[in-house]
C-alpha atoms as a PDB file:
ATOM      1  CA  MET A   1     104.848  84.843   2.632  1.00  0.00           C
ATOM      2  CA  SER A   2     107.046  84.762   5.783  1.00  0.00           C
ATOM      3  CA  ILE A   3     110.126  86.271   3.813  1.00  0.00           C
ATOM      4  CA  GLU A   4     110.075  88.423   0.869  1.00  0.00           C
ATOM      5  CA  VAL A   5     113.138  89.746  -0.739  1.00  0.00           C
ATOM      6  CA  SER A   6     112.714  92.036  -3.742  1.00  0.00           C
ATOM      7  CA  GLU A   7     115.561  93.364  -5.701  1.00  0.00           C
ATOM      8  CA  VAL A   8     117.863  93.627  -3.095  1.00  0.00           C
ATOM      9  CA  SER A   9     121.471  95.054  -3.532  1.00  0.00           C
ATOM     10  CA  LYS A  10     124.187  96.368  -1.158  1.00  0.00           C
ATOM     11  CA  LEU A  11     126.979  98.535  -1.909  1.00  0.00           C
ATOM     12  CA  TYR A  12     130.285  99.095   0.293  1.00  0.00           C
ATOM     13  CA  GLY A  13     131.748 102.028  -1.778  1.00  0.00           C
ATOM     14  CA  SER A  14     132.510 100.759  -5.005  1.00  0.00           C
ATOM     15  CA  GLN A  15     132.161  96.797  -3.934  1.00  0.00           C
ATOM     16  CA  LYS A  16     128.708  95.116  -4.620  1.00  0.00           C
ATOM     17  CA  ALA A  17     128.120  92.580  -1.781  1.00  0.00           C
ATOM     18  CA  LEU A  18     124.689  91.659  -2.901  1.00  0.00           C
ATOM     19  CA  ASP A  19     123.275  92.433  -6.432  1.00  0.00           C
ATOM     20  CA  ALA A  20     119.446  92.574  -6.922  1.00  0.00           C
ATOM     21  CA  VAL A  21     118.619  89.532  -5.026  1.00  0.00           C
ATOM     22  CA  SER A  22     115.235  88.406  -4.944  1.00  0.00           C
ATOM     23  CA  PHE A  23     113.582  85.226  -3.384  1.00  0.00           C
ATOM     24  CA  LYS A  24     110.152  84.303  -1.100  1.00  0.00           C
ATOM     25  CA  VAL A  25     110.077  81.576   1.615  1.00  0.00           C
ATOM     26  CA  SER A  26     106.877  80.301   2.754  1.00  0.00           C
ATOM     27  CA  LYS A  27     105.679  79.537   6.345  1.00  0.00           C
ATOM     28  CA  GLY A  28     106.912  75.625   7.485  1.00  0.00           C
ATOM     29  CA  SER A  29     109.924  75.946   5.176  1.00  0.00           C
ATOM     30  CA  VAL A  30     113.503  75.219   6.300  1.00  0.00           C
ATOM     31  CA  VAL A  31     116.046  76.830   3.598  1.00  0.00           C
ATOM     32  CA  GLY A  32     119.409  76.505   3.182  1.00  0.00           C
ATOM     33  CA  PHE A  33     121.259  79.306   2.355  1.00  0.00           C
ATOM     34  CA  LEU A  34     124.738  78.687   0.905  1.00  0.00           C
ATOM     35  CA  GLY A  35     127.845  80.266  -0.622  1.00  0.00           C
ATOM     36  CA  PRO A  36     131.352  80.525  -0.553  1.00  0.00           C
ATOM     37  CA  ASN A  37     132.858  82.729   1.893  1.00  0.00           C
ATOM     38  CA  GLY A  38     132.495  86.403   1.045  1.00  0.00           C
ATOM     39  CA  ALA A  39     129.323  85.651  -1.097  1.00  0.00           C
ATOM     40  CA  GLY A  40     127.097  87.917   0.765  1.00  0.00           C
ATOM     41  CA  LYS A  41     125.098  85.536   2.877  1.00  0.00           C
ATOM     42  CA  SER A  42     125.544  87.245   6.310  1.00  0.00           C
ATOM     43  CA  THR A  43     124.986  90.224   4.664  1.00  0.00           C
ATOM     44  CA  MET A  44     121.720  89.471   3.278  1.00  0.00           C
ATOM     45  CA  MET A  45     120.905  87.907   6.762  1.00  0.00           C
ATOM     46  CA  LYS A  46     121.880  91.354   8.678  1.00  0.00           C
ATOM     47  CA  ILE A  47     119.403  92.949   6.139  1.00  0.00           C
ATOM     48  CA  LEU A  48     116.313  90.514   7.205  1.00  0.00           C
ATOM     49  CA  THR A  49     116.757  91.163  10.461  1.00  0.00           C
ATOM     50  CA  GLY A  50     117.111  95.318  10.117  1.00  0.00           C
ATOM     51  CA  TYR A  51     120.330  95.209  11.463  1.00  0.00           C
ATOM     52  CA  ILE A  52     121.834  96.952   8.340  1.00  0.00           C
ATOM     53  CA  LYS A  53     119.921  98.238   5.290  1.00  0.00           C
ATOM     54  CA  PRO A  54     120.244  97.629   1.723  1.00  0.00           C
ATOM     55  CA  SER A  55     121.261 100.103  -0.932  1.00  0.00           C
ATOM     56  CA  GLU A  56     118.330  99.311  -3.204  1.00  0.00           C
ATOM     57  CA  GLY A  57     115.169  96.839  -2.660  1.00  0.00           C
ATOM     58  CA  VAL A  58     112.747  96.121  -0.088  1.00  0.00           C
ATOM     59  CA  VAL A  59     112.529  93.047   2.494  1.00  0.00           C
ATOM     60  CA  PHE A  60     109.446  92.078   3.996  1.00  0.00           C
ATOM     61  CA  VAL A  61     109.191  89.658   7.072  1.00  0.00           C
ATOM     62  CA  ASN A  62     105.735  88.300   7.971  1.00  0.00           C
ATOM     63  CA  GLY A  63     104.245  90.961   5.858  1.00  0.00           C
ATOM     64  CA  ILE A  64     106.108  93.848   7.640  1.00  0.00           C
ATOM     65  CA  ASN A  65     108.227  96.215   5.719  1.00  0.00           C
ATOM     66  CA  VAL A  66     111.775  95.709   7.512  1.00  0.00           C
ATOM     67  CA  LEU A  67     112.981  99.067   6.262  1.00  0.00           C
ATOM     68  CA  GLU A  68     110.297 101.211   7.635  1.00  0.00           C
ATOM     69  CA  LYS A  69     109.293  99.257  10.485  1.00  0.00           C
ATOM     70  CA  PRO A  70     112.207  97.415  11.868  1.00  0.00           C
ATOM     71  CA  ILE A  71     111.328  97.154  15.636  1.00  0.00           C
ATOM     72  CA  GLU A  72     108.064  95.511  14.624  1.00  0.00           C
ATOM     73  CA  ALA A  73     109.634  93.194  12.301  1.00  0.00           C
ATOM     74  CA  GLN A  74     112.317  92.184  14.710  1.00  0.00           C
ATOM     75  CA  LYS A  75     109.308  91.076  17.242  1.00  0.00           C
ATOM     76  CA  HIS A  76     108.623  88.231  14.737  1.00  0.00           C
ATOM     77  CA  ILE A  77     112.545  87.366  14.161  1.00  0.00           C
ATOM     78  CA  GLY A  78     114.469  84.850  16.352  1.00  0.00           C
ATOM     79  CA  TYR A  79     118.392  85.683  15.059  1.00  0.00           C
ATOM     80  CA  LEU A  80     121.458  83.807  15.854  1.00  0.00           C
ATOM     81  CA  PRO A  81     124.460  85.541  14.182  1.00  0.00           C
ATOM     82  CA  GLU A  82     127.836  83.801  12.906  1.00  0.00           C
ATOM     83  CA  HIS A  83     129.591  85.157  16.183  1.00  0.00           C
ATOM     84  CA  ASN A  84     127.241  84.463  18.709  1.00  0.00           C
ATOM     85  CA  PRO A  85     127.526  87.496  21.179  1.00  0.00           C
ATOM     86  CA  LEU A  86     127.460  86.545  24.938  1.00  0.00           C
ATOM     87  CA  TYR A  87     127.806  87.354  28.588  1.00  0.00           C
ATOM     88  CA  SER A  88     130.487  84.784  29.433  1.00  0.00           C
ATOM     89  CA  ASP A  89     130.342  86.053  33.157  1.00  0.00           C
ATOM     90  CA  MET A  90     126.432  85.342  33.518  1.00  0.00           C
ATOM     91  CA  TYR A  91     124.816  82.050  34.309  1.00  0.00           C
ATOM     92  CA  VAL A  92     122.924  80.091  31.627  1.00  0.00           C
ATOM     93  CA  LYS A  93     119.966  80.702  33.206  1.00  0.00           C
ATOM     94  CA  GLU A  94     120.658  83.985  34.495  1.00  0.00           C
ATOM     95  CA  TYR A  95     121.319  85.331  30.861  1.00  0.00           C
ATOM     96  CA  LEU A  96     118.270  83.888  29.310  1.00  0.00           C
ATOM     97  CA  GLN A  97     116.203  85.683  32.059  1.00  0.00           C
ATOM     98  CA  PHE A  98     117.963  88.940  31.079  1.00  0.00           C
ATOM     99  CA  GLN A  99     116.974  88.085  27.523  1.00  0.00           C
ATOM    100  CA  ALA A 100     113.239  87.378  28.397  1.00  0.00           C
ATOM    101  CA  ALA A 101     113.074  90.807  30.345  1.00  0.00           C
ATOM    102  CA  ILE A 102     114.303  92.663  27.137  1.00  0.00           C
ATOM    103  CA  TYR A 103     111.955  90.834  24.923  1.00  0.00           C
ATOM    104  CA  ASN A 104     108.972  91.429  27.759  1.00  0.00           C
ATOM    105  CA  VAL A 105     108.448  87.501  27.766  1.00  0.00           C
ATOM    106  CA  ASP A 106     107.482  85.752  30.877  1.00  0.00           C
ATOM    107  CA  LYS A 107     110.677  84.420  32.793  1.00  0.00           C
ATOM    108  CA  SER A 108     108.984  81.231  33.511  1.00  0.00           C
ATOM    109  CA  SER A 109     109.391  80.255  29.714  1.00  0.00           C
ATOM    110  CA  VAL A 110     113.093  80.139  30.171  1.00  0.00           C
ATOM    111  CA  ASP A 111     113.140  76.471  31.918  1.00  0.00           C
ATOM    112  CA  ALA A 112     111.276  75.392  28.779  1.00  0.00           C
ATOM    113  CA  ILE A 113     113.375  76.638  26.379  1.00  0.00           C
ATOM    114  CA  ILE A 114     116.443  75.454  28.336  1.00  0.00           C
ATOM    115  CA  GLU A 115     114.925  71.811  27.962  1.00  0.00           C
ATOM    116  CA  LYS A 116     113.966  72.443  24.586  1.00  0.00           C
ATOM    117  CA  VAL A 117     117.773  72.918  23.295  1.00  0.00           C
ATOM    118  CA  GLY A 118     119.111  70.383  25.646  1.00  0.00           C
ATOM    119  CA  LEU A 119     120.676  72.673  28.157  1.00  0.00           C
ATOM    120  CA  THR A 120     119.180  71.351  31.320  1.00  0.00           C
ATOM    121  CA  PRO A 121     122.644  69.766  32.373  1.00  0.00           C
ATOM    122  CA  GLU A 122     124.509  72.706  31.908  1.00  0.00           C
ATOM    123  CA  SER A 123     121.865  75.368  32.936  1.00  0.00           C
ATOM    124  CA  HIS A 124     123.842  75.753  36.355  1.00  0.00           C
ATOM    125  CA  LYS A 125     127.044  76.766  34.693  1.00  0.00           C
ATOM    126  CA  LYS A 126     128.699  80.169  33.753  1.00  0.00           C
ATOM    127  CA  VAL A 127     128.007  80.765  30.134  1.00  0.00           C
ATOM    128  CA  GLY A 128     131.934  81.333  29.370  1.00  0.00           C
ATOM    129  CA  ARG A 129     132.828  77.884  30.979  1.00  0.00           C
ATOM    130  CA  LEU A 130     130.539  76.170  28.473  1.00  0.00           C
ATOM    131  CA  SER A 131     131.924  74.466  25.296  1.00  0.00           C
ATOM    132  CA  LYS A 132     131.525  75.837  22.089  1.00  0.00           C
ATOM    133  CA  GLY A 133     128.880  73.996  21.033  1.00  0.00           C
ATOM    134  CA  TYR A 134     126.865  74.743  24.427  1.00  0.00           C
ATOM    135  CA  GLN A 135     127.306  77.887  23.955  1.00  0.00           C
ATOM    136  CA  GLN A 136     125.853  77.773  20.469  1.00  0.00           C
ATOM    137  CA  ARG A 137     122.715  76.278  22.265  1.00  0.00           C
ATOM    138  CA  VAL A 138     122.522  79.346  24.533  1.00  0.00           C
ATOM    139  CA  GLY A 139     122.156  81.349  21.558  1.00  0.00           C
ATOM    140  CA  LEU A 140     119.765  79.371  20.062  1.00  0.00           C
ATOM    141  CA  ALA A 141     117.843  79.376  23.097  1.00  0.00           C
ATOM    142  CA  ALA A 142     117.941  83.144  23.168  1.00  0.00           C
ATOM    143  CA  ALA A 143     116.652  83.360  19.638  1.00  0.00           C
ATOM    144  CA  LEU A 144     113.794  81.108  20.681  1.00  0.00           C
ATOM    145  CA  LEU A 145     112.893  82.763  23.753  1.00  0.00           C
ATOM    146  CA  HIS A 146     110.113  85.143  22.200  1.00  0.00           C
ATOM    147  CA  ASN A 147     108.556  82.222  20.178  1.00  0.00           C
ATOM    148  CA  PRO A 148     109.352  83.908  16.863  1.00  0.00           C
ATOM    149  CA  LYS A 149     107.624  83.186  13.534  1.00  0.00           C
ATOM    150  CA  VAL A 150     110.703  83.585  11.403  1.00  0.00           C
ATOM    151  CA  LEU A 151     114.289  82.117  12.447  1.00  0.00           C
ATOM    152  CA  ILE A 152     117.478  83.115  10.883  1.00  0.00           C
ATOM    153  CA  LEU A 153     120.577  81.171  11.836  1.00  0.00           C
ATOM    154  CA  ASP A 154     123.766  82.066  10.613  1.00  0.00           C
ATOM    155  CA  GLU A 155     126.507  78.780  10.882  1.00  0.00           C
ATOM    156  CA  PRO A 156     124.161  77.253  13.905  1.00  0.00           C
ATOM    157  CA  THR A 157     125.983  74.049  14.344  1.00  0.00           C
ATOM    158  CA  THR A 158     129.449  75.243  14.611  1.00  0.00           C
ATOM    159  CA  GLY A 159     131.654  73.602  17.272  1.00  0.00           C
ATOM    160  CA  LEU A 160     128.985  70.923  17.874  1.00  0.00           C
ATOM    161  CA  ASP A 161     130.217  67.099  18.412  1.00  0.00           C
ATOM    162  CA  PRO A 162     128.234  64.632  16.470  1.00  0.00           C
ATOM    163  CA  ASN A 163     125.999  63.706  19.019  1.00  0.00           C
ATOM    164  CA  GLN A 164     125.129  67.498  19.144  1.00  0.00           C
ATOM    165  CA  LEU A 165     124.780  67.493  15.520  1.00  0.00           C
ATOM    166  CA  VAL A 166     122.251  64.879  15.360  1.00  0.00           C
ATOM    167  CA  GLU A 167     120.038  66.759  18.502  1.00  0.00           C
ATOM    168  CA  ILE A 168     120.286  70.289  16.829  1.00  0.00           C
ATOM    169  CA  ARG A 169     119.529  68.847  13.397  1.00  0.00           C
ATOM    170  CA  ALA A 170     116.107  67.193  14.915  1.00  0.00           C
ATOM    171  CA  LEU A 171     115.489  70.454  16.618  1.00  0.00           C
ATOM    172  CA  ILE A 172     115.851  72.544  13.751  1.00  0.00           C
ATOM    173  CA  LYS A 173     113.680  70.309  11.596  1.00  0.00           C
ATOM    174  CA  ASP A 174     110.948  70.042  14.267  1.00  0.00           C
ATOM    175  CA  LEU A 175     111.023  73.878  14.304  1.00  0.00           C
ATOM    176  CA  GLY A 176     110.532  74.371  10.375  1.00  0.00           C
ATOM    177  CA  LYS A 177     107.007  72.710  11.163  1.00  0.00           C
ATOM    178  CA  ASP A 178     105.385  75.765  12.250  1.00  0.00           C
ATOM    179  CA  LYS A 179     108.304  78.463  11.610  1.00  0.00           C
ATOM    180  CA  THR A 180     110.175  79.525   8.493  1.00  0.00           C
ATOM    181  CA  VAL A 181     113.870  78.719   9.056  1.00  0.00           C
ATOM    182  CA  LEU A 182     116.427  80.280   6.865  1.00  0.00           C
ATOM    183  CA  PHE A 183     119.947  78.826   7.964  1.00  0.00           C
ATOM    184  CA  SER A 184     123.155  79.490   6.398  1.00  0.00           C
ATOM    185  CA  THR A 185     126.197  76.389   6.860  1.00  0.00           C
ATOM    186  CA  HIS A 186     129.172  75.278   5.031  1.00  0.00           C
ATOM    187  CA  ILE A 187     128.227  71.406   5.665  1.00  0.00           C
ATOM    188  CA  MET A 188     126.447  70.216   2.807  1.00  0.00           C
ATOM    189  CA  GLN A 189     125.148  67.399   5.317  1.00  0.00           C
ATOM    190  CA  GLU A 190     123.248  69.759   7.325  1.00  0.00           C
ATOM    191  CA  VAL A 191     121.366  71.043   4.238  1.00  0.00           C
ATOM    192  CA  GLU A 192     120.693  67.698   3.106  1.00  0.00           C
ATOM    193  CA  ALA A 193     119.648  66.309   6.309  1.00  0.00           C
ATOM    194  CA  VAL A 194     117.010  69.036   7.518  1.00  0.00           C
ATOM    195  CA  CYS A 195     116.388  71.669   4.666  1.00  0.00           C
ATOM    196  CA  ASP A 196     113.513  71.516   1.909  1.00  0.00           C
ATOM    197  CA  ARG A 197     115.101  74.145  -0.051  1.00  0.00           C
ATOM    198  CA  VAL A 198     118.517  75.221  -1.061  1.00  0.00           C
ATOM    199  CA  ILE A 199     119.515  78.652  -2.133  1.00  0.00           C
ATOM    200  CA  ILE A 200     123.257  79.245  -3.329  1.00  0.00           C
ATOM    201  CA  ILE A 201     124.555  82.539  -3.712  1.00  0.00           C
ATOM    202  CA  LYS A 202     127.784  83.444  -5.524  1.00  0.00           C
ATOM    203  CA  GLU A 203     129.565  86.920  -5.632  1.00  0.00           C
ATOM    204  CA  GLY A 204     126.000  88.581  -4.422  1.00  0.00           C
ATOM    205  CA  GLU A 205     123.799  86.716  -6.747  1.00  0.00           C
ATOM    206  CA  ILE A 206     121.428  83.972  -6.953  1.00  0.00           C
ATOM    207  CA  VAL A 207     123.160  81.152  -9.104  1.00  0.00           C
ATOM    208  CA  VAL A 208     121.043  77.946  -7.549  1.00  0.00           C
ATOM    209  CA  ASP A 209     117.412  78.026  -5.937  1.00  0.00           C
ATOM    210  CA  LYS A 210     115.897  74.639  -5.912  1.00  0.00           C
ATOM    211  CA  LEU A 211     114.107  72.243  -3.904  1.00  0.00           C
ATOM    212  CA  LEU A 212     116.376  69.546  -2.371  1.00  0.00           C
ATOM    213  CA  LYS A 213     113.713  66.918  -3.643  1.00  0.00           C
ATOM    214  CA  GLU A 214     114.418  68.185  -7.618  1.00  0.00           C
ATOM    215  CA  ILE A 215     118.177  67.818  -6.618  1.00  0.00           C
ATOM    216  CA  ARG A 216     117.560  64.358  -5.752  1.00  0.00           C
ATOM    217  CA  THR A 217     115.524  63.286  -8.418  1.00  0.00           C
ATOM    218  CA  LYS A 218     117.502  64.642 -11.120  1.00  0.00           C
ATOM    219  CA  GLN A 219     120.983  62.842  -9.981  1.00  0.00           C
ATOM    220  CA  ASN A 220     122.684  60.841 -12.439  1.00  0.00           C
ATOM    221  CA  GLN A 221     124.369  57.766 -10.633  1.00  0.00           C
ATOM    222  CA  ILE A 222     127.951  57.914 -11.444  1.00  0.00           C
ATOM    223  CA  ILE A 223     130.171  54.931 -10.482  1.00  0.00           C
ATOM    224  CA  GLU A 224     133.820  54.207 -10.720  1.00  0.00           C
ATOM    225  CA  VAL A 225     134.815  50.747 -10.876  1.00  0.00           C
ATOM    226  CA  THR A 226     138.352  48.886 -11.586  1.00  0.00           C
ATOM    227  CA  PHE A 227     138.547  45.494 -13.106  1.00  0.00           C
ATOM    228  CA  ASP A 228     141.070  43.207 -12.727  1.00  0.00           C
ATOM    229  CA  TYR A 229     142.111  43.655 -16.520  1.00  0.00           C
ATOM    230  CA  LYS A 230     141.460  46.094 -19.410  1.00  0.00           C
ATOM    231  CA  ILE A 231     138.329  45.637 -21.373  1.00  0.00           C
ATOM    232  CA  GLU A 232     136.720  46.546 -24.704  1.00  0.00           C
ATOM    233  CA  GLU A 233     134.651  49.647 -24.799  1.00  0.00           C
ATOM    234  CA  GLN A 234     131.845  47.513 -26.685  1.00  0.00           C
ATOM    235  CA  PHE A 235     131.791  45.301 -23.824  1.00  0.00           C
ATOM    236  CA  ILE A 236     131.194  48.150 -21.385  1.00  0.00           C
ATOM    237  CA  GLN A 237     128.283  49.013 -23.694  1.00  0.00           C
ATOM    238  CA  ARG A 238     126.131  46.035 -22.782  1.00  0.00           C
ATOM    239  CA  LEU A 239     125.254  47.416 -19.267  1.00  0.00           C
ATOM    240  CA  PRO A 240     121.553  48.373 -18.991  1.00  0.00           C
ATOM    241  CA  ASN A 241     120.710  52.213 -18.440  1.00  0.00           C
ATOM    242  CA  LEU A 242     124.123  53.194 -19.076  1.00  0.00           C
ATOM    243  CA  LYS A 243     123.967  56.866 -20.180  1.00  0.00           C
ATOM    244  CA  SER A 244     127.597  57.852 -20.627  1.00  0.00           C
ATOM    245  CA  TYR A 245     131.044  56.098 -20.139  1.00  0.00           C
ATOM    246  CA  LYS A 246     134.622  56.962 -19.845  1.00  0.00           C
ATOM    247  CA  ASN A 247     137.609  54.777 -19.410  1.00  0.00           C
ATOM    248  CA  ASN A 248     139.792  56.818 -16.975  1.00  0.00           C
ATOM    249  CA  TYR A 249     142.785  54.762 -17.170  1.00  0.00           C
ATOM    250  CA  ASP A 250     143.849  51.282 -17.830  1.00  0.00           C
ATOM    251  CA  ALA A 251     141.222  48.874 -16.180  1.00  0.00           C
ATOM    252  CA  THR A 252     139.284  51.621 -14.291  1.00  0.00           C
ATOM    253  CA  TRP A 253     135.810  53.043 -16.017  1.00  0.00           C
ATOM    254  CA  PHE A 254     133.211  56.196 -15.247  1.00  0.00           C
ATOM    255  CA  LEU A 255     129.984  54.946 -15.699  1.00  0.00           C
ATOM    256  CA  THR A 256     127.067  56.992 -15.601  1.00  0.00           C
ATOM    257  CA  PHE A 257     123.503  55.557 -15.227  1.00  0.00           C
ATOM    258  CA  ASP A 258     120.398  57.104 -15.810  1.00  0.00           C
ATOM    259  CA  SER A 259     118.269  54.911 -13.261  1.00  0.00           C
ATOM    260  CA  ASP A 260     116.933  55.155  -9.739  1.00  0.00           C
ATOM    261  CA  LYS A 261     118.021  51.815  -9.072  1.00  0.00           C
ATOM    262  CA  ASP A 262     121.357  51.305  -7.198  1.00  0.00           C
ATOM    263  CA  MET A 263     123.364  49.971 -10.039  1.00  0.00           C
ATOM    264  CA  ARG A 264     126.481  49.100  -8.054  1.00  0.00           C
ATOM    265  CA  ALA A 265     124.724  45.709  -7.918  1.00  0.00           C
ATOM    266  CA  VAL A 266     123.996  45.356 -11.573  1.00  0.00           C
ATOM    267  CA  VAL A 267     127.784  46.171 -12.189  1.00  0.00           C
ATOM    268  CA  PHE A 268     128.911  43.663  -9.846  1.00  0.00           C
ATOM    269  CA  ASP A 269     126.336  40.627 -11.506  1.00  0.00           C
ATOM    270  CA  PHE A 270     127.923  41.845 -14.999  1.00  0.00           C
ATOM    271  CA  ALA A 271     131.434  41.567 -13.695  1.00  0.00           C
ATOM    272  CA  GLN A 272     130.262  37.939 -12.311  1.00  0.00           C
ATOM    273  CA  GLU A 273     128.583  37.020 -15.386  1.00  0.00           C
ATOM    274  CA  ASN A 274     131.380  37.560 -17.814  1.00  0.00           C
ATOM    275  CA  GLY A 275     134.472  36.427 -15.534  1.00  0.00           C
ATOM    276  CA  LEU A 276     135.852  39.663 -14.260  1.00  0.00           C
ATOM    277  CA  LYS A 277     136.884  40.668 -10.960  1.00  0.00           C
ATOM    278  CA  ILE A 278     135.915  43.933  -9.582  1.00  0.00           C
ATOM    279  CA  LEU A 279     139.149  45.834  -7.644  1.00  0.00           C
ATOM    280  CA  GLY A 280     137.325  48.727  -6.714  1.00  0.00           C
ATOM    281  CA  LEU A 281     133.774  49.951  -6.936  1.00  0.00           C
ATOM    282  CA  ASN A 282     132.647  53.902  -5.953  1.00  0.00           C
ATOM    283  CA  THR A 283     129.861  55.876  -6.159  1.00  0.00           C
ATOM    284  CA  ARG A 284     130.470  59.600  -7.519  1.00  0.00           C
ATOM    285  CA  ASN A 285     126.754  60.685  -7.561  1.00  0.00           C
ATOM    286  CA  GLN A 286     125.768  64.236  -8.358  1.00  0.00           C
ATOM    287  CA  ASN A 287     124.856  65.575  -5.016  1.00  0.00           C
ATOM    288  CA  LEU A 288     124.207  68.801  -3.216  1.00  0.00           C
ATOM    289  CA  GLU A 289     128.089  69.369  -2.433  1.00  0.00           C
ATOM    290  CA  ASN A 290     128.878  68.768  -6.226  1.00  0.00           C
ATOM    291  CA  LEU A 291     125.929  71.047  -7.442  1.00  0.00           C
ATOM    292  CA  PHE A 292     127.608  73.710  -5.051  1.00  0.00           C
ATOM    293  CA  ARG A 293     130.938  73.566  -6.339  1.00  0.00           C
ATOM    294  CA  GLU A 294     129.494  73.599 -10.036  1.00  0.00           C
ATOM    295  CA  SER A 295     127.555  76.501  -9.053  1.00  0.00           C
ATOM    296  CA  THR A 296     130.404  78.719  -7.230  1.00  0.00           C
ATOM    297  CA  ASN A 297     133.693  77.886  -9.080  1.00  0.00           C
END
């Protein structure tokens, strides 16, 4: 296992930020670490990097006990914190060469990293003159310089425009092929786009730990449909694969189907065959965002 967390708790005075948290992450996994503000995400990430110590429990990175050998463990970790610390008066290439010297990495690797994270057009500028999105890329480049086995990314896509998001998503997914990536974000689409697994934490405790494919295969298909006039309940019951139904108001129904098939076409055909007009048709499927809300409310 690349990451092993066993019964980790963290107390700040009488406040418990983490409460007996345990999980494992294997090599080649991209895991989304989610939770509302104050849930303990950043605390867990700081413990993984050896930046702070837990009150109880043990953490291993690549088989190394982070509490006993933090410096040795950090050689295997690339970390992009939520508040990306950068030297704004240094040029991009200069800053990354400085970081390479700290890691005792050959400075010749800097150009390759700059290209990998898409910084080439901005590499001649001072860090402080870059947009927030490009500053995030500088932080990501610094985290990758020493070719770590484990990447810990706290809000890595903050400030990126839609085009940059697509590029960074692709990069994170590619990095996950031979590294372990644990990243925190508030954007559910990011997790669905790049992750294999999701861990959701609430008030310092893990409330969900599932593979994304499990969430997708267990989805119930929910359709909100409004007809041109109110119809009887027994009429609705004729729809195939109907698991449950609710007349929300007047001619609007919430229909839950147990089917992998897109049931919108079935509902449309049903209306046509029975002389009904559809005034509105929307899907409200159980997805990661809904699971997050249900788990953390």
